[in-house]
Amino acid sequence: MLAVGIKELKSKLSSYIDLVEHGEEVLVTQRGREVAVVIPITPERRVLSGLVKEGKARYGTGKPLGASGVVIRGKPLSETVIEERR
């Protein structure tokens, strides 16, 4: 993986984008500290982007849908497992 500082990345952005298009990953640093990675777009990502544009999919938010406020009744599963092992 190629590492580059922000200042150099800004001044030679086109050449670094060309490298990324050809499969290279670029690690971006700021004052010697790693802050980002520029990676090529995979074929799967292109398909997902197309589905999002068509309204057939959406990007995840990191939170499960409809999981808040779920109440489970009955005894805990752990008790059932212990009973079955006896």
N, C-alpha and C. Protein backbone atom coordinates (compact mmCIF):
# COMPACT_ATOMS: atom_id res chain seq x y z
N MET A 1 0.86 -1.17 0.00
CA MET A 1 0.00 0.00 0.00
C MET A 1 0.91 1.23 0.00
N LEU A 2 0.56 2.15 -0.84
CA LEU A 2 1.31 3.38 -1.00
C LEU A 2 0.83 4.42 0.03
N ALA A 3 1.74 5.09 0.70
CA ALA A 3 1.38 6.13 1.68
C ALA A 3 1.75 7.49 1.12
N VAL A 4 0.85 8.47 1.33
CA VAL A 4 1.08 9.82 0.81
C VAL A 4 0.49 10.84 1.78
N GLY A 5 1.17 11.95 1.93
CA GLY A 5 0.67 13.04 2.76
C GLY A 5 -0.42 13.82 2.03
N ILE A 6 -1.25 14.51 2.78
CA ILE A 6 -2.36 15.25 2.20
C ILE A 6 -1.88 16.31 1.21
N LYS A 7 -0.82 17.03 1.56
CA LYS A 7 -0.33 18.09 0.69
C LYS A 7 0.09 17.54 -0.67
N GLU A 8 0.82 16.44 -0.68
CA GLU A 8 1.24 15.83 -1.94
C GLU A 8 0.04 15.25 -2.68
N LEU A 9 -0.88 14.64 -1.95
CA LEU A 9 -2.08 14.08 -2.58
C LEU A 9 -2.86 15.17 -3.32
N LYS A 10 -3.01 16.33 -2.67
CA LYS A 10 -3.74 17.43 -3.30
C LYS A 10 -3.04 17.92 -4.57
N SER A 11 -1.71 17.99 -4.53
CA SER A 11 -0.99 18.54 -5.68
C SER A 11 -0.90 17.55 -6.84
N LYS A 12 -1.01 16.24 -6.55
CA LYS A 12 -0.89 15.22 -7.60
C LYS A 12 -2.08 14.28 -7.60
N LEU A 13 -3.26 14.81 -7.32
CA LEU A 13 -4.44 13.99 -7.15
C LEU A 13 -4.72 13.10 -8.36
N SER A 14 -4.64 13.66 -9.56
CA SER A 14 -4.94 12.88 -10.77
C SER A 14 -4.05 11.65 -10.89
N SER A 15 -2.78 11.79 -10.59
CA SER A 15 -1.88 10.64 -10.72
C SER A 15 -2.18 9.57 -9.67
N TYR A 16 -2.58 9.99 -8.47
CA TYR A 16 -2.94 9.00 -7.46
C TYR A 16 -4.26 8.31 -7.79
N ILE A 17 -5.18 9.05 -8.36
CA ILE A 17 -6.45 8.44 -8.79
C ILE A 17 -6.19 7.42 -9.89
N ASP A 18 -5.27 7.71 -10.80
CA ASP A 18 -4.90 6.74 -11.83
C ASP A 18 -4.36 5.46 -11.20
N LEU A 19 -3.53 5.59 -10.17
CA LEU A 19 -3.02 4.41 -9.48
C LEU A 19 -4.14 3.60 -8.85
N VAL A 20 -5.08 4.29 -8.23
CA VAL A 20 -6.20 3.61 -7.59
C VAL A 20 -7.05 2.90 -8.64
N GLU A 21 -7.26 3.53 -9.78
CA GLU A 21 -8.03 2.89 -10.86
C GLU A 21 -7.38 1.59 -11.33
N HIS A 22 -6.07 1.50 -11.17
CA HIS A 22 -5.36 0.30 -11.59
C HIS A 22 -5.14 -0.68 -10.43
N GLY A 23 -5.89 -0.51 -9.35
CA GLY A 23 -5.89 -1.47 -8.26
C GLY A 23 -5.04 -1.15 -7.05
N GLU A 24 -4.30 -0.06 -7.09
CA GLU A 24 -3.45 0.32 -5.95
C GLU A 24 -4.29 0.95 -4.84
N GLU A 25 -3.94 0.68 -3.60
CA GLU A 25 -4.58 1.34 -2.46
C GLU A 25 -3.63 2.43 -1.97
N VAL A 26 -4.18 3.58 -1.61
CA VAL A 26 -3.38 4.71 -1.18
C VAL A 26 -3.76 5.08 0.25
N LEU A 27 -2.78 5.04 1.13
CA LEU A 27 -2.95 5.42 2.53
C LEU A 27 -2.65 6.91 2.65
N VAL A 28 -3.60 7.68 3.16
CA VAL A 28 -3.43 9.13 3.29
C VAL A 28 -3.01 9.44 4.72
N THR A 29 -1.96 10.25 4.84
CA THR A 29 -1.48 10.63 6.17
C THR A 29 -1.55 12.14 6.35
N GLN A 30 -1.68 12.55 7.60
CA GLN A 30 -1.66 13.96 7.97
C GLN A 30 -0.69 14.12 9.13
N ARG A 31 0.39 14.82 8.87
CA ARG A 31 1.45 15.00 9.87
C ARG A 31 1.97 13.65 10.39
N GLY A 32 2.11 12.69 9.47
CA GLY A 32 2.62 11.37 9.82
C GLY A 32 1.63 10.41 10.41
N ARG A 33 0.39 10.85 10.59
CA ARG A 33 -0.65 10.00 11.18
C ARG A 33 -1.61 9.54 10.10
N GLU A 34 -1.95 8.25 10.07
CA GLU A 34 -2.87 7.70 9.07
C GLU A 34 -4.28 8.24 9.31
N VAL A 35 -4.89 8.79 8.25
CA VAL A 35 -6.23 9.35 8.41
C VAL A 35 -7.26 8.78 7.44
N ALA A 36 -6.82 8.17 6.33
CA ALA A 36 -7.79 7.66 5.36
C ALA A 36 -7.11 6.68 4.42
N VAL A 37 -7.93 5.91 3.73
CA VAL A 37 -7.45 5.00 2.69
C VAL A 37 -8.31 5.22 1.45
N VAL A 38 -7.67 5.40 0.31
CA VAL A 38 -8.39 5.50 -0.96
C VAL A 38 -8.23 4.15 -1.64
N ILE A 39 -9.36 3.48 -1.93
CA ILE A 39 -9.33 2.15 -2.51
C ILE A 39 -10.14 2.11 -3.80
N PRO A 40 -9.83 1.17 -4.69
CA PRO A 40 -10.61 1.04 -5.91
C PRO A 40 -12.04 0.58 -5.60
N ILE A 41 -12.96 0.97 -6.45
CA ILE A 41 -14.34 0.51 -6.32
C ILE A 41 -14.43 -0.90 -6.90
N THR A 42 -14.98 -1.82 -6.11
CA THR A 42 -15.10 -3.21 -6.54
C THR A 42 -16.33 -3.36 -7.45
N PRO A 43 -16.36 -4.42 -8.26
CA PRO A 43 -17.56 -4.67 -9.09
C PRO A 43 -18.83 -4.79 -8.25
N GLU A 44 -18.70 -5.38 -7.06
CA GLU A 44 -19.87 -5.51 -6.18
C GLU A 44 -20.39 -4.14 -5.76
N ARG A 45 -19.48 -3.23 -5.48
CA ARG A 45 -19.87 -1.87 -5.07
C ARG A 45 -20.58 -1.15 -6.22
N ARG A 46 -20.10 -1.38 -7.45
CA ARG A 46 -20.76 -0.78 -8.62
C ARG A 46 -22.19 -1.28 -8.76
N VAL A 47 -22.37 -2.59 -8.55
CA VAL A 47 -23.72 -3.17 -8.63
C VAL A 47 -24.61 -2.57 -7.55
N LEU A 48 -24.09 -2.48 -6.33
CA LEU A 48 -24.87 -1.91 -5.23
C LEU A 48 -25.24 -0.47 -5.52
N SER A 49 -24.30 0.32 -6.04
CA SER A 49 -24.60 1.72 -6.38
C SER A 49 -25.72 1.80 -7.41
N GLY A 50 -25.68 0.90 -8.40
CA GLY A 50 -26.74 0.88 -9.41
C GLY A 50 -28.10 0.56 -8.80
N LEU A 51 -28.13 -0.40 -7.88
CA LEU A 51 -29.39 -0.76 -7.22
C LEU A 51 -29.91 0.38 -6.36
N VAL A 52 -29.01 1.11 -5.71
CA VAL A 52 -29.42 2.26 -4.90
C VAL A 52 -30.01 3.34 -5.80
N LYS A 53 -29.37 3.61 -6.94
CA LYS A 53 -29.89 4.62 -7.85
C LYS A 53 -31.26 4.25 -8.39
N GLU A 54 -31.50 2.94 -8.60
CA GLU A 54 -32.80 2.48 -9.09
C GLU A 54 -33.86 2.40 -8.00
N GLY A 55 -33.45 2.60 -6.76
CA GLY A 55 -34.39 2.54 -5.64
C GLY A 55 -34.68 1.13 -5.18
N LYS A 56 -33.89 0.16 -5.62
CA LYS A 56 -34.10 -1.25 -5.25
C LYS A 56 -33.31 -1.65 -4.01
N ALA A 57 -32.42 -0.79 -3.55
CA ALA A 57 -31.63 -1.07 -2.35
C ALA A 57 -31.27 0.26 -1.71
N ARG A 58 -30.73 0.19 -0.52
CA ARG A 58 -30.24 1.40 0.14
C ARG A 58 -29.04 1.03 0.99
N TYR A 59 -28.19 2.01 1.23
CA TYR A 59 -27.02 1.79 2.06
C TYR A 59 -27.45 1.65 3.51
N GLY A 60 -26.78 0.79 4.24
CA GLY A 60 -27.09 0.57 5.65
C GLY A 60 -26.70 1.76 6.50
N THR A 61 -27.40 1.89 7.62
CA THR A 61 -27.11 2.98 8.55
C THR A 61 -26.30 2.48 9.74
N GLY A 62 -26.13 1.17 9.83
CA GLY A 62 -25.42 0.60 10.95
C GLY A 62 -26.32 0.23 12.11
N LYS A 63 -27.60 0.58 12.01
CA LYS A 63 -28.55 0.26 13.06
C LYS A 63 -29.58 -0.71 12.50
N PRO A 64 -29.91 -1.79 13.24
CA PRO A 64 -30.93 -2.72 12.75
C PRO A 64 -32.30 -2.05 12.73
N LEU A 65 -33.10 -2.39 11.73
CA LEU A 65 -34.43 -1.82 11.61
C LEU A 65 -35.43 -2.57 12.49
N GLY A 66 -36.28 -1.87 13.16
CA GLY A 66 -37.37 -2.47 13.91
C GLY A 66 -36.97 -3.27 15.14
N ALA A 67 -35.77 -3.12 15.63
CA ALA A 67 -35.32 -3.93 16.76
C ALA A 67 -35.55 -3.24 18.10
N SER A 68 -35.89 -1.99 18.11
CA SER A 68 -36.06 -1.29 19.38
C SER A 68 -37.42 -1.63 19.99
N GLY A 69 -37.43 -1.78 21.30
CA GLY A 69 -38.68 -2.03 22.00
C GLY A 69 -39.19 -3.46 21.90
N VAL A 70 -38.36 -4.40 21.47
CA VAL A 70 -38.79 -5.78 21.35
C VAL A 70 -38.81 -6.41 22.74
N VAL A 71 -39.93 -7.04 23.08
CA VAL A 71 -40.07 -7.70 24.37
C VAL A 71 -40.24 -9.20 24.12
N ILE A 72 -39.39 -10.00 24.72
CA ILE A 72 -39.47 -11.45 24.57
C ILE A 72 -40.08 -12.02 25.83
N ARG A 73 -41.14 -12.81 25.65
CA ARG A 73 -41.83 -13.40 26.79
C ARG A 73 -41.38 -14.84 26.97
N GLY A 74 -41.54 -15.35 28.17
CA GLY A 74 -41.18 -16.73 28.45
C GLY A 74 -39.84 -16.82 29.14
N LYS A 75 -39.42 -18.06 29.36
CA LYS A 75 -38.15 -18.25 30.07
C LYS A 75 -36.98 -18.04 29.11
N PRO A 76 -35.84 -17.70 29.65
CA PRO A 76 -34.66 -17.46 28.82
C PRO A 76 -34.25 -18.72 28.05
N LEU A 77 -33.69 -18.53 26.88
CA LEU A 77 -33.24 -19.64 26.05
C LEU A 77 -32.19 -20.47 26.77
N SER A 78 -31.35 -19.82 27.56
CA SER A 78 -30.31 -20.56 28.29
C SER A 78 -30.92 -21.61 29.21
N GLU A 79 -32.05 -21.28 29.86
CA GLU A 79 -32.72 -22.26 30.73
C GLU A 79 -33.24 -23.43 29.92
N THR A 80 -33.80 -23.17 28.78
CA THR A 80 -34.32 -24.23 27.92
C THR A 80 -33.19 -25.16 27.48
N VAL A 81 -32.06 -24.61 27.12
CA VAL A 81 -30.91 -25.42 26.70
C VAL A 81 -30.44 -26.30 27.85
N ILE A 82 -30.34 -25.74 29.06
CA ILE A 82 -29.92 -26.51 30.22
C ILE A 82 -30.88 -27.64 30.49
N GLU A 83 -32.18 -27.39 30.40
CA GLU A 83 -33.19 -28.42 30.61
C GLU A 83 -33.07 -29.54 29.60
N GLU A 84 -32.83 -29.20 28.36
CA GLU A 84 -32.71 -30.20 27.29
C GLU A 84 -31.47 -31.07 27.46
N ARG A 85 -30.45 -30.55 28.10
CA ARG A 85 -29.21 -31.32 28.28
C ARG A 85 -29.32 -32.32 29.43
N ARG A 86 -30.31 -32.18 30.27
CA ARG A 86 -30.46 -33.08 31.43
C ARG A 86 -31.05 -34.40 31.01
